[in-house]
Amino acid sequence: MISIGRTLISTEIFDKQFVCDLSACKGQCCIDGESGAPLNEDELEKLDEVIDEVRPYMRKEGLEAIEKDGLYEVDMDGDYVTPLVNGEECAYVNFDEKGIAKCAIENAYNEGKTKWKKPISCHLYPIRIKELKDFDALNYHHWPICEAACTLGQSLSVEVFRFLKEPLIRKYGVDWYGELEKAHVAYLEYKKGKG
């Protein structure tokens, strides 16, 4: 583990390579899973603020789900999550002409309708953050549906933390990310010394 400020980071984000390959996986991470996308408490208010701009990008099924269940719900673990359509895909998912899952929230953002891109848990995937009392624990999440992303990441030699530079800066800031890059260099030196 690497410690930076109030974060503890798994070295897997340095060791693993990853680049989303939507042509292969079709955005399956927005469809599979036991519950919707995790939401921070401050994101509940953001959803309330942007929903009118997001609605035009949503499918009928998603609109029906948020009408029935609300903009968010509480899962079995007591965490806030996005609602699902029939227990499957996220209510905020739409599909492009190739059948690739897209985020209605992000679509609205990309077209300049909102200033909120999407839930940070989605933006940071495959990193999952566990917020504990004194620190955040950042871990790499292994999921078989992301095998194509691992293969593409290896072919391009892109580590998880580099692939997720934008959302990591969004969450923790530029200075923190600079410290993460320094930690990566030190980690590589450490590994070289052990080898």
C-alpha atoms as a PDB file:
ATOM      1  CA  MET A   1       0.000   0.000   0.000  1.00  0.00           C
ATOM      2  CA  ILE A   2       1.059   3.574  -0.694  1.00  0.00           C
ATOM      3  CA  SER A   3       0.072   6.408   1.665  1.00  0.00           C
ATOM      4  CA  ILE A   4      -0.576   9.933   0.377  1.00  0.00           C
ATOM      5  CA  GLY A   5      -2.314  12.346   2.724  1.00  0.00           C
ATOM      6  CA  ARG A   6      -5.589  10.764   3.816  1.00  0.00           C
ATOM      7  CA  THR A   7      -5.434   8.045   1.166  1.00  0.00           C
ATOM      8  CA  LEU A   8      -4.107   4.501   1.180  1.00  0.00           C
ATOM      9  CA  ILE A   9      -3.553   3.233  -2.337  1.00  0.00           C
ATOM     10  CA  SER A  10      -3.161  -0.363  -3.486  1.00  0.00           C
ATOM     11  CA  THR A  11      -0.018  -0.874  -5.559  1.00  0.00           C
ATOM     12  CA  GLU A  12      -2.221  -2.769  -8.034  1.00  0.00           C
ATOM     13  CA  ILE A  13      -3.091   0.586  -9.600  1.00  0.00           C
ATOM     14  CA  PHE A  14       0.611   0.786 -10.553  1.00  0.00           C
ATOM     15  CA  ASP A  15       0.970  -2.888 -11.489  1.00  0.00           C
ATOM     16  CA  LYS A  16      -2.229  -3.422 -13.486  1.00  0.00           C
ATOM     17  CA  GLN A  17      -2.756  -2.009 -16.949  1.00  0.00           C
ATOM     18  CA  PHE A  18      -6.180  -0.941 -18.151  1.00  0.00           C
ATOM     19  CA  VAL A  19      -7.877   1.005 -20.956  1.00  0.00           C
ATOM     20  CA  CYS A  20     -11.640   0.677 -21.439  1.00  0.00           C
ATOM     21  CA  ASP A  21     -12.455  -1.129 -24.666  1.00  0.00           C
ATOM     22  CA  LEU A  22     -16.118  -0.276 -25.222  1.00  0.00           C
ATOM     23  CA  SER A  23     -16.159  -1.955 -28.617  1.00  0.00           C
ATOM     24  CA  ALA A  24     -15.477  -5.255 -26.823  1.00  0.00           C
ATOM     25  CA  CYS A  25     -17.393  -4.941 -23.542  1.00  0.00           C
ATOM     26  CA  LYS A  26     -20.246  -2.666 -24.738  1.00  0.00           C
ATOM     27  CA  GLY A  27     -20.205  -0.853 -21.373  1.00  0.00           C
ATOM     28  CA  GLN A  28     -21.225  -3.966 -19.478  1.00  0.00           C
ATOM     29  CA  CYS A  29     -20.195  -2.371 -16.143  1.00  0.00           C
ATOM     30  CA  CYS A  30     -23.270  -0.105 -16.449  1.00  0.00           C
ATOM     31  CA  ILE A  31     -25.500  -3.147 -16.895  1.00  0.00           C
ATOM     32  CA  ASP A  32     -24.179  -5.910 -14.615  1.00  0.00           C
ATOM     33  CA  GLY A  33     -23.867  -5.849 -10.856  1.00  0.00           C
ATOM     34  CA  GLU A  34     -25.915  -6.370  -7.734  1.00  0.00           C
ATOM     35  CA  SER A  35     -26.941  -2.735  -7.387  1.00  0.00           C
ATOM     36  CA  GLY A  36     -26.629   0.612  -9.126  1.00  0.00           C
ATOM     37  CA  ALA A  37     -23.591   2.875  -9.251  1.00  0.00           C
ATOM     38  CA  PRO A  38     -22.377   3.986  -5.806  1.00  0.00           C
ATOM     39  CA  LEU A  39     -23.165   7.631  -4.979  1.00  0.00           C
ATOM     40  CA  ASN A  40     -21.559   9.922  -2.413  1.00  0.00           C
ATOM     41  CA  GLU A  41     -23.963  11.909  -0.253  1.00  0.00           C
ATOM     42  CA  ASP A  42     -22.993  15.182  -1.957  1.00  0.00           C
ATOM     43  CA  GLU A  43     -23.878  13.615  -5.325  1.00  0.00           C
ATOM     44  CA  LEU A  44     -27.519  13.182  -4.303  1.00  0.00           C
ATOM     45  CA  GLU A  45     -27.939  16.947  -4.419  1.00  0.00           C
ATOM     46  CA  LYS A  46     -26.088  17.092  -7.746  1.00  0.00           C
ATOM     47  CA  LEU A  47     -28.523  14.568  -9.231  1.00  0.00           C
ATOM     48  CA  ASP A  48     -31.413  16.736  -8.050  1.00  0.00           C
ATOM     49  CA  GLU A  49     -29.783  19.777  -9.681  1.00  0.00           C
ATOM     50  CA  VAL A  50     -29.146  18.194 -13.114  1.00  0.00           C
ATOM     51  CA  ILE A  51     -32.075  15.820 -13.565  1.00  0.00           C
ATOM     52  CA  ASP A  52     -34.111  18.178 -15.765  1.00  0.00           C
ATOM     53  CA  GLU A  53     -31.168  18.486 -18.170  1.00  0.00           C
ATOM     54  CA  VAL A  54     -30.479  14.721 -18.051  1.00  0.00           C
ATOM     55  CA  ARG A  55     -34.042  13.496 -18.668  1.00  0.00           C
ATOM     56  CA  PRO A  56     -33.949  14.129 -22.464  1.00  0.00           C
ATOM     57  CA  TYR A  57     -30.977  11.730 -22.714  1.00  0.00           C
ATOM     58  CA  MET A  58     -32.683   8.917 -20.786  1.00  0.00           C
ATOM     59  CA  ARG A  59     -34.616   5.961 -22.151  1.00  0.00           C
ATOM     60  CA  LYS A  60     -38.291   5.480 -21.335  1.00  0.00           C
ATOM     61  CA  GLU A  61     -37.380   2.527 -19.072  1.00  0.00           C
ATOM     62  CA  GLY A  62     -34.914   4.654 -17.107  1.00  0.00           C
ATOM     63  CA  LEU A  63     -37.430   7.468 -16.699  1.00  0.00           C
ATOM     64  CA  GLU A  64     -39.975   4.952 -15.424  1.00  0.00           C
ATOM     65  CA  ALA A  65     -37.420   3.563 -12.947  1.00  0.00           C
ATOM     66  CA  ILE A  66     -36.633   6.972 -11.420  1.00  0.00           C
ATOM     67  CA  GLU A  67     -40.349   7.799 -11.346  1.00  0.00           C
ATOM     68  CA  LYS A  68     -40.958   4.594  -9.379  1.00  0.00           C
ATOM     69  CA  ASP A  69     -37.806   4.405  -7.220  1.00  0.00           C
ATOM     70  CA  GLY A  70     -36.542   7.996  -7.101  1.00  0.00           C
ATOM     71  CA  LEU A  71     -33.326   9.502  -8.448  1.00  0.00           C
ATOM     72  CA  TYR A  72     -31.328   7.229  -6.124  1.00  0.00           C
ATOM     73  CA  GLU A  73     -31.955   4.481  -3.608  1.00  0.00           C
ATOM     74  CA  VAL A  74     -30.277   2.694  -0.710  1.00  0.00           C
ATOM     75  CA  ASP A  75     -28.828  -0.766  -1.416  1.00  0.00           C
ATOM     76  CA  MET A  76     -28.557  -3.831   0.845  1.00  0.00           C
ATOM     77  CA  ASP A  77     -25.339  -2.451   2.391  1.00  0.00           C
ATOM     78  CA  GLY A  78     -27.007   0.856   3.279  1.00  0.00           C
ATOM     79  CA  ASP A  79     -25.163   2.784   0.547  1.00  0.00           C
ATOM     80  CA  TYR A  80     -26.688   5.280  -1.866  1.00  0.00           C
ATOM     81  CA  VAL A  81     -26.804   3.962  -5.440  1.00  0.00           C
ATOM     82  CA  THR A  82     -28.457   4.755  -8.753  1.00  0.00           C
ATOM     83  CA  PRO A  83     -31.722   2.871  -9.363  1.00  0.00           C
ATOM     84  CA  LEU A  84     -31.823  -0.042 -11.798  1.00  0.00           C
ATOM     85  CA  VAL A  85     -34.176  -0.920 -14.638  1.00  0.00           C
ATOM     86  CA  ASN A  86     -35.767  -4.281 -13.760  1.00  0.00           C
ATOM     87  CA  GLY A  87     -32.822  -5.160 -11.506  1.00  0.00           C
ATOM     88  CA  GLU A  88     -30.377  -4.909 -14.424  1.00  0.00           C
ATOM     89  CA  GLU A  89     -28.894  -1.796 -16.054  1.00  0.00           C
ATOM     90  CA  CYS A  90     -28.492   1.575 -14.362  1.00  0.00           C
ATOM     91  CA  ALA A  91     -31.547   3.799 -14.865  1.00  0.00           C
ATOM     92  CA  TYR A  92     -29.280   6.484 -16.360  1.00  0.00           C
ATOM     93  CA  VAL A  93     -28.016   4.206 -19.150  1.00  0.00           C
ATOM     94  CA  ASN A  94     -28.919   4.673 -22.777  1.00  0.00           C
ATOM     95  CA  PHE A  95     -27.550   2.735 -25.749  1.00  0.00           C
ATOM     96  CA  ASP A  96     -25.925   4.059 -28.906  1.00  0.00           C
ATOM     97  CA  GLU A  97     -26.471   2.691 -32.407  1.00  0.00           C
ATOM     98  CA  LYS A  98     -23.813  -0.014 -31.786  1.00  0.00           C
ATOM     99  CA  GLY A  99     -25.536  -1.209 -28.608  1.00  0.00           C
ATOM    100  CA  ILE A 100     -22.862   0.333 -26.367  1.00  0.00           C
ATOM    101  CA  ALA A 101     -24.099   1.512 -22.966  1.00  0.00           C
ATOM    102  CA  LYS A 102     -23.667   5.248 -22.462  1.00  0.00           C
ATOM    103  CA  CYS A 103     -24.400   7.463 -19.465  1.00  0.00           C
ATOM    104  CA  ALA A 104     -27.259   9.954 -19.885  1.00  0.00           C
ATOM    105  CA  ILE A 105     -25.666  12.158 -17.207  1.00  0.00           C
ATOM    106  CA  GLU A 106     -22.385  12.214 -19.124  1.00  0.00           C
ATOM    107  CA  ASN A 107     -24.208  12.786 -22.432  1.00  0.00           C
ATOM    108  CA  ALA A 108     -25.812  15.925 -20.965  1.00  0.00           C
ATOM    109  CA  TYR A 109     -22.407  17.054 -19.655  1.00  0.00           C
ATOM    110  CA  ASN A 110     -20.683  16.432 -23.012  1.00  0.00           C
ATOM    111  CA  GLU A 111     -23.268  18.605 -24.737  1.00  0.00           C
ATOM    112  CA  GLY A 112     -22.721  21.452 -22.273  1.00  0.00           C
ATOM    113  CA  LYS A 113     -26.062  21.070 -20.489  1.00  0.00           C
ATOM    114  CA  THR A 114     -24.548  20.456 -17.028  1.00  0.00           C
ATOM    115  CA  LYS A 115     -21.287  20.971 -15.162  1.00  0.00           C
ATOM    116  CA  TRP A 116     -21.400  17.575 -13.430  1.00  0.00           C
ATOM    117  CA  LYS A 117     -19.888  14.789 -15.521  1.00  0.00           C
ATOM    118  CA  LYS A 118     -21.207  11.691 -13.744  1.00  0.00           C
ATOM    119  CA  PRO A 119     -20.888   9.909 -10.380  1.00  0.00           C
ATOM    120  CA  ILE A 120     -17.248   9.747  -9.317  1.00  0.00           C
ATOM    121  CA  SER A 121     -17.543   5.975  -8.724  1.00  0.00           C
ATOM    122  CA  CYS A 122     -18.294   5.515 -12.445  1.00  0.00           C
ATOM    123  CA  HIS A 123     -15.583   7.926 -13.557  1.00  0.00           C
ATOM    124  CA  LEU A 124     -12.983   6.191 -11.371  1.00  0.00           C
ATOM    125  CA  TYR A 125     -13.763   2.605 -12.338  1.00  0.00           C
ATOM    126  CA  PRO A 126     -11.885   0.162 -12.029  1.00  0.00           C
ATOM    127  CA  ILE A 127     -10.701   1.914  -8.859  1.00  0.00           C
ATOM    128  CA  ARG A 128     -13.119   1.528  -5.975  1.00  0.00           C
ATOM    129  CA  ILE A 129     -12.850   3.835  -2.970  1.00  0.00           C
ATOM    130  CA  LYS A 130     -13.747   2.680   0.524  1.00  0.00           C
ATOM    131  CA  GLU A 131     -14.255   5.725   2.721  1.00  0.00           C
ATOM    132  CA  LEU A 132     -13.118   4.896   6.241  1.00  0.00           C
ATOM    133  CA  LYS A 133     -12.987   7.073   9.345  1.00  0.00           C
ATOM    134  CA  ASP A 134      -9.435   8.380   8.937  1.00  0.00           C
ATOM    135  CA  PHE A 135      -8.648   7.711   5.277  1.00  0.00           C
ATOM    136  CA  ASP A 136      -9.873   6.614   1.851  1.00  0.00           C
ATOM    137  CA  ALA A 137      -8.715   3.200   0.669  1.00  0.00           C
ATOM    138  CA  LEU A 138      -8.236   3.029  -3.114  1.00  0.00           C
ATOM    139  CA  ASN A 139      -8.287  -0.489  -4.542  1.00  0.00           C
ATOM    140  CA  TYR A 140      -8.259  -1.986  -7.998  1.00  0.00           C
ATOM    141  CA  HIS A 141     -11.501  -3.894  -8.637  1.00  0.00           C
ATOM    142  CA  HIS A 142     -11.127  -7.175 -10.556  1.00  0.00           C
ATOM    143  CA  TRP A 143     -14.141  -7.946 -12.764  1.00  0.00           C
ATOM    144  CA  PRO A 144     -14.106 -10.560 -15.559  1.00  0.00           C
ATOM    145  CA  ILE A 145     -16.164  -8.319 -17.864  1.00  0.00           C
ATOM    146  CA  CYS A 146     -13.134  -5.991 -18.003  1.00  0.00           C
ATOM    147  CA  GLU A 147     -10.710  -8.564 -19.463  1.00  0.00           C
ATOM    148  CA  ALA A 148     -10.724  -6.707 -22.800  1.00  0.00           C
ATOM    149  CA  ALA A 149      -9.767  -3.484 -20.975  1.00  0.00           C
ATOM    150  CA  CYS A 150      -6.854  -5.280 -19.305  1.00  0.00           C
ATOM    151  CA  THR A 151      -5.708  -6.686 -22.654  1.00  0.00           C
ATOM    152  CA  LEU A 152      -5.920  -3.259 -24.333  1.00  0.00           C
ATOM    153  CA  GLY A 153      -4.143  -1.613 -21.380  1.00  0.00           C
ATOM    154  CA  GLN A 154      -1.311  -4.150 -21.650  1.00  0.00           C
ATOM    155  CA  SER A 155      -0.967  -3.644 -25.391  1.00  0.00           C
ATOM    156  CA  LEU A 156      -0.767   0.138 -24.889  1.00  0.00           C
ATOM    157  CA  SER A 157       1.296  -0.070 -21.640  1.00  0.00           C
ATOM    158  CA  VAL A 158      -1.119   2.168 -19.720  1.00  0.00           C
ATOM    159  CA  GLU A 159      -1.260   1.657 -15.951  1.00  0.00           C
ATOM    160  CA  VAL A 160      -4.603   2.018 -14.144  1.00  0.00           C
ATOM    161  CA  PHE A 161      -3.571   5.255 -12.432  1.00  0.00           C
ATOM    162  CA  ARG A 162      -2.572   6.841 -15.760  1.00  0.00           C
ATOM    163  CA  PHE A 163      -5.805   5.759 -17.447  1.00  0.00           C
ATOM    164  CA  LEU A 164      -7.701   7.359 -14.564  1.00  0.00           C
ATOM    165  CA  LYS A 165      -5.678  10.578 -14.340  1.00  0.00           C
ATOM    166  CA  GLU A 166      -8.658  12.873 -15.012  1.00  0.00           C
ATOM    167  CA  PRO A 167     -11.039  11.369 -12.420  1.00  0.00           C
ATOM    168  CA  LEU A 168      -8.259  11.006  -9.822  1.00  0.00           C
ATOM    169  CA  ILE A 169      -7.477  14.716 -10.206  1.00  0.00           C
ATOM    170  CA  ARG A 170     -11.210  15.457 -10.081  1.00  0.00           C
ATOM    171  CA  LYS A 171     -11.447  13.576  -6.760  1.00  0.00           C
ATOM    172  CA  TYR A 172      -8.158  14.471  -5.037  1.00  0.00           C
ATOM    173  CA  GLY A 173      -6.587  17.377  -6.951  1.00  0.00           C
ATOM    174  CA  VAL A 174      -3.532  18.038  -9.102  1.00  0.00           C
ATOM    175  CA  ASP A 175      -1.055  18.126  -6.199  1.00  0.00           C
ATOM    176  CA  TRP A 176      -2.237  14.745  -4.919  1.00  0.00           C
ATOM    177  CA  TYR A 177      -1.869  13.261  -8.399  1.00  0.00           C
ATOM    178  CA  GLY A 178       1.651  14.681  -8.621  1.00  0.00           C
ATOM    179  CA  GLU A 179       2.470  12.882  -5.363  1.00  0.00           C
ATOM    180  CA  LEU A 180       0.990   9.701  -6.830  1.00  0.00           C
ATOM    181  CA  GLU A 181       3.299   9.971  -9.848  1.00  0.00           C
ATOM    182  CA  LYS A 182       6.304  10.407  -7.514  1.00  0.00           C
ATOM    183  CA  ALA A 183       5.138   7.382  -5.515  1.00  0.00           C
ATOM    184  CA  HIS A 184       4.989   5.397  -8.764  1.00  0.00           C
ATOM    185  CA  VAL A 185       8.615   6.247  -9.580  1.00  0.00           C
ATOM    186  CA  ALA A 186       9.694   5.288  -6.043  1.00  0.00           C
ATOM    187  CA  TYR A 187       7.685   2.060  -6.276  1.00  0.00           C
ATOM    188  CA  LEU A 188       9.396   1.100  -9.543  1.00  0.00           C
ATOM    189  CA  GLU A 189      12.814   1.763  -7.961  1.00  0.00           C
ATOM    190  CA  TYR A 190      11.823  -0.372  -4.977  1.00  0.00           C
ATOM    191  CA  LYS A 191      10.721  -3.234  -7.236  1.00  0.00           C
ATOM    192  CA  LYS A 192      13.919  -2.968  -9.286  1.00  0.00           C
ATOM    193  CA  GLY A 193      15.978  -3.174  -6.080  1.00  0.00           C
ATOM    194  CA  LYS A 194      14.113  -6.288  -4.981  1.00  0.00           C
ATOM    195  CA  GLY A 195      14.567  -7.934  -8.386  1.00  0.00           C
END
